[in-house]
Amino acid sequence: MQSRARQAIPVPGAGGPGAGSGVSGSGVGGSSAGASTGPAGGPTTAAAQRAARKELQRLERQLARVGDREAGLTAALAAEASDYARLIELGAELRTVQDQKARLEEQWLTVAEELPG
């Protein structure tokens, strides 16, 4: 999923996450062929910046859901303190959720670095 996100962001004029297949300058009018990048190598065109902001919002929504799940599992761990078998299950699920959260945070940072200022 990370590679899809990186493909979708720098493609000016892309119709959405699934429409980022035309990476070459075969866009309308050929204006994307001369698109420059910002100081951090990120997008400078309005369409690319808009796509990056949308990607950040999507990642933030996912992070909120994963954070809620993490909080729920942490509460469940406290509630099930006497059931060792359940603690093992909840602990494994919590580690999976924490790994997912770390991946989402890394993706968020990558996209955020591509945006100017």
Protein backbone atom coordinates (compact mmCIF):
# COMPACT_ATOMS: atom_id res chain seq x y z
CA MET A 1 0.00 0.00 0.00
CA GLN A 2 2.85 2.34 0.64
CA SER A 3 4.03 2.20 -2.97
CA ARG A 4 0.49 2.97 -4.20
CA ALA A 5 0.38 6.05 -2.02
CA ARG A 6 3.69 7.26 -3.40
CA GLN A 7 2.51 6.72 -6.98
CA ALA A 8 -0.77 8.57 -6.43
CA ILE A 9 0.76 11.70 -4.93
CA PRO A 10 3.17 12.98 -7.61
CA VAL A 11 0.78 12.41 -10.53
CA PRO A 12 -0.80 15.79 -11.35
CA GLY A 13 -4.40 15.60 -12.54
CA ALA A 14 -4.95 12.06 -11.26
CA GLY A 15 -8.62 11.21 -10.83
CA GLY A 16 -8.11 9.46 -7.49
CA PRO A 17 -6.17 6.70 -5.80
CA GLY A 18 -6.90 4.15 -8.51
CA ALA A 19 -6.22 6.48 -11.40
CA GLY A 20 -2.49 7.01 -10.85
CA SER A 21 -1.28 4.82 -13.69
CA GLY A 22 -0.02 7.54 -16.04
CA VAL A 23 3.31 8.51 -14.53
CA SER A 24 4.82 9.72 -17.79
CA GLY A 25 4.04 13.16 -19.23
CA SER A 26 1.07 11.94 -21.24
CA GLY A 27 -1.36 14.27 -19.45
CA VAL A 28 -3.65 16.82 -21.06
CA GLY A 29 -1.66 19.59 -22.71
CA GLY A 30 1.66 18.10 -21.60
CA SER A 31 1.95 20.59 -18.73
CA SER A 32 2.88 17.88 -16.23
CA ALA A 33 6.09 17.10 -18.09
CA GLY A 34 7.65 20.34 -16.83
CA ALA A 35 6.36 20.09 -13.27
CA SER A 36 9.02 21.00 -10.74
CA THR A 37 9.55 19.73 -7.25
CA GLY A 38 9.89 21.61 -4.01
CA PRO A 39 12.96 21.88 -1.80
CA ALA A 40 12.38 18.43 -0.26
CA GLY A 41 11.66 16.84 -3.65
CA GLY A 42 7.90 17.06 -3.01
CA PRO A 43 5.14 18.16 -5.35
CA THR A 44 4.70 21.82 -6.22
CA THR A 45 1.73 21.71 -8.56
CA ALA A 46 -1.64 22.49 -7.01
CA ALA A 47 -3.10 19.13 -8.04
CA ALA A 48 -0.20 17.19 -6.53
CA GLN A 49 -0.39 19.18 -3.31
CA ARG A 50 -4.13 18.62 -3.11
CA ALA A 51 -3.63 14.87 -3.65
CA ALA A 52 -0.97 14.82 -0.91
CA ARG A 53 -3.27 16.65 1.51
CA LYS A 54 -6.07 14.17 0.76
CA GLU A 55 -3.65 11.30 1.40
CA LEU A 56 -2.68 12.86 4.74
CA GLN A 57 -6.35 13.15 5.71
CA ARG A 58 -6.95 9.50 4.76
CA LEU A 59 -3.96 8.40 6.83
CA GLU A 60 -5.12 10.53 9.77
CA ARG A 61 -8.55 8.86 9.69
CA GLN A 62 -6.89 5.44 9.66
CA LEU A 63 -4.59 6.45 12.52
CA ALA A 64 -7.61 7.57 14.57
CA ARG A 65 -9.33 4.21 14.02
CA VAL A 66 -6.19 2.26 14.87
CA GLY A 67 -5.63 4.45 17.95
CA ASP A 68 -9.17 3.74 19.12
CA ARG A 69 -8.60 0.01 18.62
CA GLU A 70 -5.32 0.23 20.53
CA ALA A 71 -7.06 1.99 23.44
CA GLY A 72 -9.79 -0.65 23.45
CA LEU A 73 -7.27 -3.46 23.55
CA THR A 74 -5.34 -1.77 26.35
CA ALA A 75 -8.56 -1.47 28.37
CA ALA A 76 -9.41 -5.11 27.61
CA LEU A 77 -5.96 -6.16 28.84
CA ALA A 78 -6.62 -4.43 32.15
CA ALA A 79 -10.11 -5.94 32.42
CA GLU A 80 -8.92 -9.47 31.65
CA ALA A 81 -5.93 -9.43 34.01
CA SER A 82 -6.81 -12.77 35.60
CA ASP A 83 -7.41 -14.72 32.36
CA TYR A 84 -3.90 -15.58 31.16
CA ALA A 85 -5.01 -17.23 27.91
CA ARG A 86 -7.06 -14.16 27.02
CA LEU A 87 -4.14 -11.89 27.94
CA ILE A 88 -1.94 -13.72 25.44
CA GLU A 89 -4.55 -13.31 22.69
CA LEU A 90 -5.10 -9.63 23.47
CA GLY A 91 -1.36 -8.99 23.70
CA ALA A 92 -0.78 -10.52 20.27
CA GLU A 93 -3.61 -8.46 18.79
CA LEU A 94 -2.28 -5.31 20.46
CA ARG A 95 1.18 -5.89 18.96
CA THR A 96 -0.40 -6.27 15.51
CA VAL A 97 -2.35 -3.03 15.96
CA GLN A 98 0.77 -1.22 17.18
CA ASP A 99 2.72 -2.43 14.14
CA GLN A 100 -0.06 -1.21 11.86
CA LYS A 101 -0.05 2.15 13.65
CA ALA A 102 3.72 2.47 13.21
CA ARG A 103 3.42 1.76 9.46
CA LEU A 104 0.65 4.36 9.10
CA GLU A 105 2.69 6.93 11.01
CA GLU A 106 5.67 6.27 8.75
CA GLN A 107 3.49 6.72 5.66
CA TRP A 108 2.07 9.94 7.12
CA LEU A 109 5.57 11.32 7.72
CA THR A 110 6.63 10.40 4.19
CA VAL A 111 3.67 12.20 2.65
CA ALA A 112 4.02 15.19 4.99
CA GLU A 113 7.67 15.62 4.02
CA GLU A 114 6.66 15.89 0.36
CA LEU A 115 4.44 18.92 1.01
CA PRO A 116 6.07 22.35 0.96
CA GLY A 117 6.01 24.42 4.16
